[in-house]
Every structure is written in structure tokens, then in C-alpha cells.
Amino acid sequence: MENGFLATLSPKGQLTLPKEIRKDLRLEKGGTVLVEKAGAGVLLRSVEIRPRGDDFDDQEWEALRKIAREKKGRPQKTVKGFLKSLESGK
């Protein structure tokens, strides 16, 4: 396959994107991909989800991601919960 890769679906219908694709799309663990129908195939696009009214710039978001990766704490359901967990150090 000249420009393609083979990937096998898991029993749950999941697949692992090959490393080269993840690198090209700059996807990290937990990244978001938009999957669109495109004729007989699909189109994948790397996307970044941000809440409405976001006042953080790219540098601030990256700093928050770094803190989250370092803390390896419990997942938070809300931004408020995440910020509270950062303040408490847990």
C-alpha cells in the first residue's frame, strides 16, 4: 500500500492509528480526532476541543497539559474540579 496502513478493528470496534499517522497529526495520548464520512471511506482530522469563552492562549493550555501529565491525578469531570485539584495538590 503506497500511502496507506492496515489496522485491525478490536472486538469493540476500536483501532490503533499507526505511529506515523499519530506523528503526522501531532496526536498524543488522549488526543481528539474528528472522523468524517468521505465517500466509501473516512477522513481523520486532528482537533483540539476548547470550552466556549476560553481565555487561555496556546502557551497556557500547554502548561496546563504538562501539569496534568506530571500530576497523574484522578480525572476531573469539570474545569472547576481540575483547577481545584491543582490548587490542593492532589
PDB file of N, CA and C in Angstrom:
ATOM      1  N   MET A   1       0.838  -1.174   0.000  1.00  0.00           N
ATOM      2  CA  MET A   1       0.000   0.000   0.000  1.00  0.00           C
ATOM      3  C   MET A   1       0.880   1.232   0.000  1.00  0.00           C
ATOM      4  N   GLU A   2       0.753   1.988  -1.014  1.00  0.00           N
ATOM      5  CA  GLU A   2       1.644   3.126  -1.204  1.00  0.00           C
ATOM      6  C   GLU A   2       1.516   4.192  -0.114  1.00  0.00           C
ATOM      7  N   ASN A   3       0.301   4.687   0.152  1.00  0.00           N
ATOM      8  CA  ASN A   3       0.105   5.741   1.142  1.00  0.00           C
ATOM      9  C   ASN A   3      -0.778   5.305   2.297  1.00  0.00           C
ATOM     10  N   GLY A   4      -0.985   4.024   2.447  1.00  0.00           N
ATOM     11  CA  GLY A   4      -1.908   3.552   3.471  1.00  0.00           C
ATOM     12  C   GLY A   4      -1.271   2.589   4.451  1.00  0.00           C
ATOM     13  N   PHE A   5      -2.032   2.299   5.474  1.00  0.00           N
ATOM     14  CA  PHE A   5      -1.612   1.370   6.519  1.00  0.00           C
ATOM     15  C   PHE A   5      -2.767   0.431   6.806  1.00  0.00           C
ATOM     16  N   LEU A   6      -2.468  -0.770   7.189  1.00  0.00           N
ATOM     17  CA  LEU A   6      -3.507  -1.700   7.614  1.00  0.00           C
ATOM     18  C   LEU A   6      -3.659  -1.608   9.127  1.00  0.00           C
ATOM     19  N   ALA A   7      -4.889  -1.585   9.589  1.00  0.00           N
ATOM     20  CA  ALA A   7      -5.185  -1.573  11.014  1.00  0.00           C
ATOM     21  C   ALA A   7      -6.347  -2.532  11.233  1.00  0.00           C
ATOM     22  N   THR A   8      -6.290  -3.308  12.299  1.00  0.00           N
ATOM     23  CA  THR A   8      -7.316  -4.300  12.592  1.00  0.00           C
ATOM     24  C   THR A   8      -8.238  -3.784  13.687  1.00  0.00           C
ATOM     25  N   LEU A   9      -9.546  -3.899  13.472  1.00  0.00           N
ATOM     26  CA  LEU A   9     -10.506  -3.484  14.476  1.00  0.00           C
ATOM     27  C   LEU A   9     -10.518  -4.453  15.638  1.00  0.00           C
ATOM     28  N   SER A  10     -10.595  -3.915  16.851  1.00  0.00           N
ATOM     29  CA  SER A  10     -10.714  -4.751  18.051  1.00  0.00           C
ATOM     30  C   SER A  10     -12.151  -5.266  18.137  1.00  0.00           C
ATOM     31  N   PRO A  11     -12.420  -6.193  19.046  1.00  0.00           N
ATOM     32  CA  PRO A  11     -13.798  -6.670  19.218  1.00  0.00           C
ATOM     33  C   PRO A  11     -14.786  -5.543  19.557  1.00  0.00           C
ATOM     34  N   LYS A  12     -14.279  -4.439  20.118  1.00  0.00           N
ATOM     35  CA  LYS A  12     -15.143  -3.300  20.449  1.00  0.00           C
ATOM     36  C   LYS A  12     -15.238  -2.296  19.302  1.00  0.00           C
ATOM     37  N   GLY A  13     -14.651  -2.606  18.150  1.00  0.00           N
ATOM     38  CA  GLY A  13     -14.704  -1.721  17.005  1.00  0.00           C
ATOM     39  C   GLY A  13     -13.663  -0.610  17.045  1.00  0.00           C
ATOM     40  N   GLN A  14     -12.653  -0.763  17.878  1.00  0.00           N
ATOM     41  CA  GLN A  14     -11.604   0.241  18.005  1.00  0.00           C
ATOM     42  C   GLN A  14     -10.412  -0.145  17.144  1.00  0.00           C
ATOM     43  N   LEU A  15      -9.621   0.863  16.775  1.00  0.00           N
ATOM     44  CA  LEU A  15      -8.382   0.566  16.068  1.00  0.00           C
ATOM     45  C   LEU A  15      -7.285   1.490  16.576  1.00  0.00           C
ATOM     46  N   THR A  16      -6.066   1.071  16.396  1.00  0.00           N
ATOM     47  CA  THR A  16      -4.911   1.869  16.787  1.00  0.00           C
ATOM     48  C   THR A  16      -4.364   2.540  15.541  1.00  0.00           C
ATOM     49  N   LEU A  17      -4.237   3.860  15.601  1.00  0.00           N
ATOM     50  CA  LEU A  17      -3.641   4.570  14.470  1.00  0.00           C
ATOM     51  C   LEU A  17      -2.144   4.298  14.455  1.00  0.00           C
ATOM     52  N   PRO A  18      -1.592   3.980  13.297  1.00  0.00           N
ATOM     53  CA  PRO A  18      -0.157   3.731  13.224  1.00  0.00           C
ATOM     54  C   PRO A  18       0.642   4.950  13.712  1.00  0.00           C
ATOM     55  N   LYS A  19       1.807   4.676  14.264  1.00  0.00           N
ATOM     56  CA  LYS A  19       2.658   5.711  14.846  1.00  0.00           C
ATOM     57  C   LYS A  19       2.936   6.852  13.868  1.00  0.00           C
ATOM     58  N   GLU A  20       3.183   6.523  12.602  1.00  0.00           N
ATOM     59  CA  GLU A  20       3.471   7.558  11.605  1.00  0.00           C
ATOM     60  C   GLU A  20       2.296   8.522  11.443  1.00  0.00           C
ATOM     61  N   ILE A  21       1.077   7.996  11.470  1.00  0.00           N
ATOM     62  CA  ILE A  21      -0.121   8.829  11.344  1.00  0.00           C
ATOM     63  C   ILE A  21      -0.256   9.721  12.574  1.00  0.00           C
ATOM     64  N   ARG A  22      -0.088   9.117  13.771  1.00  0.00           N
ATOM     65  CA  ARG A  22      -0.186   9.909  15.002  1.00  0.00           C
ATOM     66  C   ARG A  22       0.852  11.020  15.016  1.00  0.00           C
ATOM     67  N   LYS A  23       2.043  10.716  14.530  1.00  0.00           N
ATOM     68  CA  LYS A  23       3.112  11.723  14.484  1.00  0.00           C
ATOM     69  C   LYS A  23       2.746  12.836  13.505  1.00  0.00           C
ATOM     70  N   ASP A  24       2.277  12.475  12.313  1.00  0.00           N
ATOM     71  CA  ASP A  24       1.894  13.467  11.297  1.00  0.00           C
ATOM     72  C   ASP A  24       0.769  14.370  11.790  1.00  0.00           C
ATOM     73  N   LEU A  25      -0.193  13.797  12.526  1.00  0.00           N
ATOM     74  CA  LEU A  25      -1.324  14.569  13.039  1.00  0.00           C
ATOM     75  C   LEU A  25      -1.011  15.243  14.378  1.00  0.00           C
ATOM     76  N   ARG A  26       0.193  15.009  14.892  1.00  0.00           N
ATOM     77  CA  ARG A  26       0.622  15.548  16.195  1.00  0.00           C
ATOM     78  C   ARG A  26      -0.347  15.138  17.296  1.00  0.00           C
ATOM     79  N   LEU A  27      -0.721  13.868  17.288  1.00  0.00           N
ATOM     80  CA  LEU A  27      -1.642  13.340  18.290  1.00  0.00           C
ATOM     81  C   LEU A  27      -0.869  12.738  19.451  1.00  0.00           C
ATOM     82  N   GLU A  28      -1.294  13.075  20.653  1.00  0.00           N
ATOM     83  CA  GLU A  28      -0.726  12.483  21.855  1.00  0.00           C
ATOM     84  C   GLU A  28      -1.807  11.634  22.505  1.00  0.00           C
ATOM     85  N   LYS A  29      -1.425  10.838  23.476  1.00  0.00           N
ATOM     86  CA  LYS A  29      -2.386  10.019  24.201  1.00  0.00           C
ATOM     87  C   LYS A  29      -3.512  10.908  24.713  1.00  0.00           C
ATOM     88  N   GLY A  30      -4.738  10.504  24.454  1.00  0.00           N
ATOM     89  CA  GLY A  30      -5.888  11.284  24.883  1.00  0.00           C
ATOM     90  C   GLY A  30      -6.295  12.370  23.902  1.00  0.00           C
ATOM     91  N   GLY A  31      -5.584  12.475  22.767  1.00  0.00           N
ATOM     92  CA  GLY A  31      -5.915  13.479  21.756  1.00  0.00           C
ATOM     93  C   GLY A  31      -7.266  13.197  21.121  1.00  0.00           C
ATOM     94  N   THR A  32      -7.801  14.193  20.429  1.00  0.00           N
ATOM     95  CA  THR A  32      -9.118  14.075  19.805  1.00  0.00           C
ATOM     96  C   THR A  32      -8.983  14.076  18.297  1.00  0.00           C
ATOM     97  N   VAL A  33      -9.713  13.170  17.658  1.00  0.00           N
ATOM     98  CA  VAL A  33      -9.710  13.052  16.207  1.00  0.00           C
ATOM     99  C   VAL A  33     -11.148  13.179  15.716  1.00  0.00           C
ATOM    100  N   LEU A  34     -11.360  14.025  14.712  1.00  0.00           N
ATOM    101  CA  LEU A  34     -12.657  14.133  14.067  1.00  0.00           C
ATOM    102  C   LEU A  34     -12.687  13.103  12.953  1.00  0.00           C
ATOM    103  N   VAL A  35     -13.700  12.245  12.953  1.00  0.00           N
ATOM    104  CA  VAL A  35     -13.848  11.211  11.929  1.00  0.00           C
ATOM    105  C   VAL A  35     -15.037  11.596  11.066  1.00  0.00           C
ATOM    106  N   GLU A  36     -14.786  11.806   9.760  1.00  0.00           N
ATOM    107  CA  GLU A  36     -15.840  12.201   8.837  1.00  0.00           C
ATOM    108  C   GLU A  36     -15.997  11.156   7.749  1.00  0.00           C
ATOM    109  N   LYS A  37     -17.238  10.915   7.348  1.00  0.00           N
ATOM    110  CA  LYS A  37     -17.501  10.046   6.208  1.00  0.00           C
ATOM    111  C   LYS A  37     -17.030  10.742   4.948  1.00  0.00           C
ATOM    112  N   ALA A  38     -16.331  10.018   4.105  1.00  0.00           N
ATOM    113  CA  ALA A  38     -15.835  10.588   2.844  1.00  0.00           C
ATOM    114  C   ALA A  38     -16.031   9.554   1.748  1.00  0.00           C
ATOM    115  N   GLY A  39     -17.191   9.579   1.123  1.00  0.00           N
ATOM    116  CA  GLY A  39     -17.489   8.587   0.096  1.00  0.00           C
ATOM    117  C   GLY A  39     -17.530   7.203   0.703  1.00  0.00           C
ATOM    118  N   ALA A  40     -16.684   6.303   0.179  1.00  0.00           N
ATOM    119  CA  ALA A  40     -16.632   4.930   0.686  1.00  0.00           C
ATOM    120  C   ALA A  40     -15.609   4.790   1.810  1.00  0.00           C
ATOM    121  N   GLY A  41     -15.036   5.881   2.248  1.00  0.00           N
ATOM    122  CA  GLY A  41     -14.007   5.827   3.289  1.00  0.00           C
ATOM    123  C   GLY A  41     -14.266   6.826   4.392  1.00  0.00           C
ATOM    124  N   VAL A  42     -13.230   7.113   5.151  1.00  0.00           N
ATOM    125  CA  VAL A  42     -13.314   8.085   6.232  1.00  0.00           C
ATOM    126  C   VAL A  42     -12.144   9.055   6.138  1.00  0.00           C
ATOM    127  N   LEU A  43     -12.336  10.225   6.708  1.00  0.00           N
ATOM    128  CA  LEU A  43     -11.315  11.253   6.763  1.00  0.00           C
ATOM    129  C   LEU A  43     -11.047  11.543   8.227  1.00  0.00           C
ATOM    130  N   LEU A  44      -9.786  11.535   8.631  1.00  0.00           N
ATOM    131  CA  LEU A  44      -9.414  11.814  10.015  1.00  0.00           C
ATOM    132  C   LEU A  44      -8.773  13.193  10.099  1.00  0.00           C
ATOM    133  N   ARG A  45      -9.198  13.967  11.087  1.00  0.00           N
ATOM    134  CA  ARG A  45      -8.598  15.281  11.318  1.00  0.00           C
ATOM    135  C   ARG A  45      -8.291  15.420  12.800  1.00  0.00           C
ATOM    136  N   SER A  46      -7.107  15.890  13.100  1.00  0.00           N
ATOM    137  CA  SER A  46      -6.739  16.169  14.476  1.00  0.00           C
ATOM    138  C   SER A  46      -7.432  17.463  14.899  1.00  0.00           C
ATOM    139  N   VAL A  47      -8.100  17.441  16.042  1.00  0.00           N
ATOM    140  CA  VAL A  47      -8.783  18.638  16.533  1.00  0.00           C
ATOM    141  C   VAL A  47      -8.455  18.861  17.997  1.00  0.00           C
ATOM    142  N   GLU A  48      -8.579  20.095  18.423  1.00  0.00           N
ATOM    143  CA  GLU A  48      -8.393  20.428  19.828  1.00  0.00           C
ATOM    144  C   GLU A  48      -9.709  20.997  20.332  1.00  0.00           C
ATOM    145  N   ILE A  49     -10.256  20.385  21.364  1.00  0.00           N
ATOM    146  CA  ILE A  49     -11.530  20.812  21.928  1.00  0.00           C
ATOM    147  C   ILE A  49     -11.254  21.833  23.027  1.00  0.00           C
ATOM    148  N   ARG A  50     -11.893  22.977  22.900  1.00  0.00           N
ATOM    149  CA  ARG A  50     -11.760  24.025  23.911  1.00  0.00           C
ATOM    150  C   ARG A  50     -13.150  24.491  24.312  1.00  0.00           C
ATOM    151  N   PRO A  51     -13.327  24.788  25.588  1.00  0.00           N
ATOM    152  CA  PRO A  51     -14.634  25.289  26.019  1.00  0.00           C
ATOM    153  C   PRO A  51     -14.910  26.671  25.433  1.00  0.00           C
ATOM    154  N   ARG A  52     -16.171  27.002  25.287  1.00  0.00           N
ATOM    155  CA  ARG A  52     -16.542  28.341  24.812  1.00  0.00           C
ATOM    156  C   ARG A  52     -16.102  29.376  25.829  1.00  0.00           C
ATOM    157  N   GLY A  53     -15.775  30.544  25.343  1.00  0.00           N
ATOM    158  CA  GLY A  53     -15.356  31.613  26.234  1.00  0.00           C
ATOM    159  C   GLY A  53     -13.954  31.381  26.786  1.00  0.00           C
ATOM    160  N   ASP A  54     -13.179  30.570  26.106  1.00  0.00           N
ATOM    161  CA  ASP A  54     -11.834  30.216  26.547  1.00  0.00           C
ATOM    162  C   ASP A  54     -10.925  31.444  26.535  1.00  0.00           C
ATOM    163  N   ASP A  55     -10.324  31.722  27.670  1.00  0.00           N
ATOM    164  CA  ASP A  55      -9.416  32.854  27.772  1.00  0.00           C
ATOM    165  C   ASP A  55      -7.954  32.423  27.793  1.00  0.00           C
ATOM    166  N   PHE A  56      -7.685  31.128  27.676  1.00  0.00           N
ATOM    167  CA  PHE A  56      -6.308  30.634  27.697  1.00  0.00           C
ATOM    168  C   PHE A  56      -5.696  30.691  26.308  1.00  0.00           C
ATOM    169  N   ASP A  57      -4.436  31.098  26.217  1.00  0.00           N
ATOM    170  CA  ASP A  57      -3.745  31.035  24.930  1.00  0.00           C
ATOM    171  C   ASP A  57      -3.057  29.675  24.812  1.00  0.00           C
ATOM    172  N   ASP A  58      -2.457  29.398  23.658  1.00  0.00           N
ATOM    173  CA  ASP A  58      -1.837  28.092  23.417  1.00  0.00           C
ATOM    174  C   ASP A  58      -0.759  27.758  24.441  1.00  0.00           C
ATOM    175  N   GLN A  59       0.034  28.741  24.821  1.00  0.00           N
ATOM    176  CA  GLN A  59       1.111  28.507  25.794  1.00  0.00           C
ATOM    177  C   GLN A  59       0.528  28.121  27.159  1.00  0.00           C
ATOM    178  N   GLU A  60      -0.564  28.768  27.573  1.00  0.00           N
ATOM    179  CA  GLU A  60      -1.194  28.438  28.856  1.00  0.00           C
ATOM    180  C   GLU A  60      -1.810  27.040  28.824  1.00  0.00           C
ATOM    181  N   TRP A  61      -2.448  26.693  27.685  1.00  0.00           N
ATOM    182  CA  TRP A  61      -3.006  25.347  27.566  1.00  0.00           C
ATOM    183  C   TRP A  61      -1.911  24.297  27.672  1.00  0.00           C
ATOM    184  N   GLU A  62      -0.789  24.533  27.017  1.00  0.00           N
ATOM    185  CA  GLU A  62       0.312  23.561  27.074  1.00  0.00           C
ATOM    186  C   GLU A  62       0.836  23.429  28.492  1.00  0.00           C
ATOM    187  N   ALA A  63       0.913  24.540  29.226  1.00  0.00           N
ATOM    188  CA  ALA A  63       1.353  24.486  30.625  1.00  0.00           C
ATOM    189  C   ALA A  63       0.381  23.655  31.460  1.00  0.00           C
ATOM    190  N   LEU A  64      -0.924  23.820  31.223  1.00  0.00           N
ATOM    191  CA  LEU A  64      -1.910  23.017  31.953  1.00  0.00           C
ATOM    192  C   LEU A  64      -1.801  21.539  31.602  1.00  0.00           C
ATOM    193  N   ARG A  65      -1.596  21.240  30.312  1.00  0.00           N
ATOM    194  CA  ARG A  65      -1.424  19.835  29.900  1.00  0.00           C
ATOM    195  C   ARG A  65      -0.207  19.215  30.584  1.00  0.00           C
ATOM    196  N   LYS A  66       0.879  19.971  30.655  1.00  0.00           N
ATOM    197  CA  LYS A  66       2.105  19.482  31.284  1.00  0.00           C
ATOM    198  C   LYS A  66       1.857  19.182  32.762  1.00  0.00           C
ATOM    199  N   ILE A  67       1.181  20.086  33.442  1.00  0.00           N
ATOM    200  CA  ILE A  67       0.869  19.871  34.857  1.00  0.00           C
ATOM    201  C   ILE A  67       0.010  18.625  35.021  1.00  0.00           C
ATOM    202  N   ALA A  68      -0.995  18.479  34.164  1.00  0.00           N
ATOM    203  CA  ALA A  68      -1.885  17.317  34.255  1.00  0.00           C
ATOM    204  C   ALA A  68      -1.120  16.020  34.047  1.00  0.00           C
ATOM    205  N   ARG A  69      -0.196  16.004  33.079  1.00  0.00           N
ATOM    206  CA  ARG A  69       0.599  14.790  32.826  1.00  0.00           C
ATOM    207  C   ARG A  69       1.500  14.482  34.014  1.00  0.00           C
ATOM    208  N   GLU A  70       2.087  15.518  34.618  1.00  0.00           N
ATOM    209  CA  GLU A  70       3.002  15.318  35.749  1.00  0.00           C
ATOM    210  C   GLU A  70       2.259  14.865  36.998  1.00  0.00           C
ATOM    211  N   LYS A  71       1.097  15.428  37.243  1.00  0.00           N
ATOM    212  CA  LYS A  71       0.327  15.115  38.449  1.00  0.00           C
ATOM    213  C   LYS A  71      -0.224  13.688  38.410  1.00  0.00           C
ATOM    214  N   LYS A  72      -0.644  13.254  37.221  1.00  0.00           N
ATOM    215  CA  LYS A  72      -1.234  11.921  37.045  1.00  0.00           C
ATOM    216  C   LYS A  72      -2.293  11.650  38.116  1.00  0.00           C
ATOM    217  N   GLY A  73      -3.072  12.660  38.387  1.00  0.00           N
ATOM    218  CA  GLY A  73      -4.127  12.539  39.394  1.00  0.00           C
ATOM    219  C   GLY A  73      -5.376  11.919  38.825  1.00  0.00           C
ATOM    220  N   ARG A  74      -6.424  12.001  39.606  1.00  0.00           N
ATOM    221  CA  ARG A  74      -7.709  11.462  39.168  1.00  0.00           C
ATOM    222  C   ARG A  74      -8.295  12.343  38.081  1.00  0.00           C
ATOM    223  N   PRO A  75      -8.934  11.748  37.081  1.00  0.00           N
ATOM    224  CA  PRO A  75      -9.580  12.559  36.038  1.00  0.00           C
ATOM    225  C   PRO A  75     -10.674  13.423  36.662  1.00  0.00           C
ATOM    226  N   GLN A  76     -10.831  14.621  36.163  1.00  0.00           N
ATOM    227  CA  GLN A  76     -11.852  15.542  36.651  1.00  0.00           C
ATOM    228  C   GLN A  76     -12.918  15.715  35.579  1.00  0.00           C
ATOM    229  N   LYS A  77     -14.165  15.822  36.006  1.00  0.00           N
ATOM    230  CA  LYS A  77     -15.268  15.956  35.052  1.00  0.00           C
ATOM    231  C   LYS A  77     -15.480  17.401  34.607  1.00  0.00           C
ATOM    232  N   THR A  78     -14.986  18.347  35.397  1.00  0.00           N
ATOM    233  CA  THR A  78     -15.189  19.753  35.046  1.00  0.00           C
ATOM    234  C   THR A  78     -13.870  20.510  35.145  1.00  0.00           C
ATOM    235  N   VAL A  79     -13.821  21.649  34.462  1.00  0.00           N
ATOM    236  CA  VAL A  79     -12.638  22.506  34.548  1.00  0.00           C
ATOM    237  C   VAL A  79     -12.478  22.993  35.981  1.00  0.00           C
ATOM    238  N   LYS A  80     -13.594  23.328  36.623  1.00  0.00           N
ATOM    239  CA  LYS A  80     -13.561  23.793  38.010  1.00  0.00           C
ATOM    240  C   LYS A  80     -12.929  22.733  38.916  1.00  0.00           C
ATOM    241  N   GLY A  81     -13.334  21.476  38.724  1.00  0.00           N
ATOM    242  CA  GLY A  81     -12.758  20.384  39.510  1.00  0.00           C
ATOM    243  C   GLY A  81     -11.276  20.214  39.242  1.00  0.00           C
ATOM    244  N   PHE A  82     -10.885  20.364  37.971  1.00  0.00           N
ATOM    245  CA  PHE A  82      -9.471  20.246  37.606  1.00  0.00           C
ATOM    246  C   PHE A  82      -8.652  21.332  38.291  1.00  0.00           C
ATOM    247  N   LEU A  83      -9.134  22.583  38.219  1.00  0.00           N
ATOM    248  CA  LEU A  83      -8.395  23.686  38.833  1.00  0.00           C
ATOM    249  C   LEU A  83      -8.334  23.532  40.346  1.00  0.00           C
ATOM    250  N   LYS A  84      -9.428  23.043  40.951  1.00  0.00           N
ATOM    251  CA  LYS A  84      -9.436  22.807  42.388  1.00  0.00           C
ATOM    252  C   LYS A  84      -8.414  21.745  42.771  1.00  0.00           C
ATOM    253  N   SER A  85      -8.297  20.685  41.952  1.00  0.00           N
ATOM    254  CA  SER A  85      -7.325  19.628  42.240  1.00  0.00           C
ATOM    255  C   SER A  85      -5.898  20.145  42.118  1.00  0.00           C
ATOM    256  N   LEU A  86      -5.668  21.087  41.200  1.00  0.00           N
ATOM    257  CA  LEU A  86      -4.346  21.687  41.077  1.00  0.00           C
ATOM    258  C   LEU A  86      -3.997  22.511  42.323  1.00  0.00           C
ATOM    259  N   GLU A  87      -4.989  23.269  42.803  1.00  0.00           N
ATOM    260  CA  GLU A  87      -4.766  24.097  43.976  1.00  0.00           C
ATOM    261  C   GLU A  87      -4.474  23.253  45.206  1.00  0.00           C
ATOM    262  N   SER A  88      -5.166  22.126  45.335  1.00  0.00           N
ATOM    263  CA  SER A  88      -4.988  21.280  46.523  1.00  0.00           C
ATOM    264  C   SER A  88      -3.755  20.395  46.417  1.00  0.00           C
ATOM    265  N   GLY A  89      -3.198  20.284  45.216  1.00  0.00           N
ATOM    266  CA  GLY A  89      -2.017  19.450  45.032  1.00  0.00           C
ATOM    267  C   GLY A  89      -2.318  17.972  44.924  1.00  0.00           C
ATOM    268  N   LYS A  90      -3.591  17.596  44.771  1.00  0.00           N
ATOM    269  CA  LYS A  90      -3.995  16.188  44.656  1.00  0.00           C
ATOM    270  C   LYS A  90      -4.347  15.843  43.241  1.00  0.00           C
TER     271      LYS A  90
END
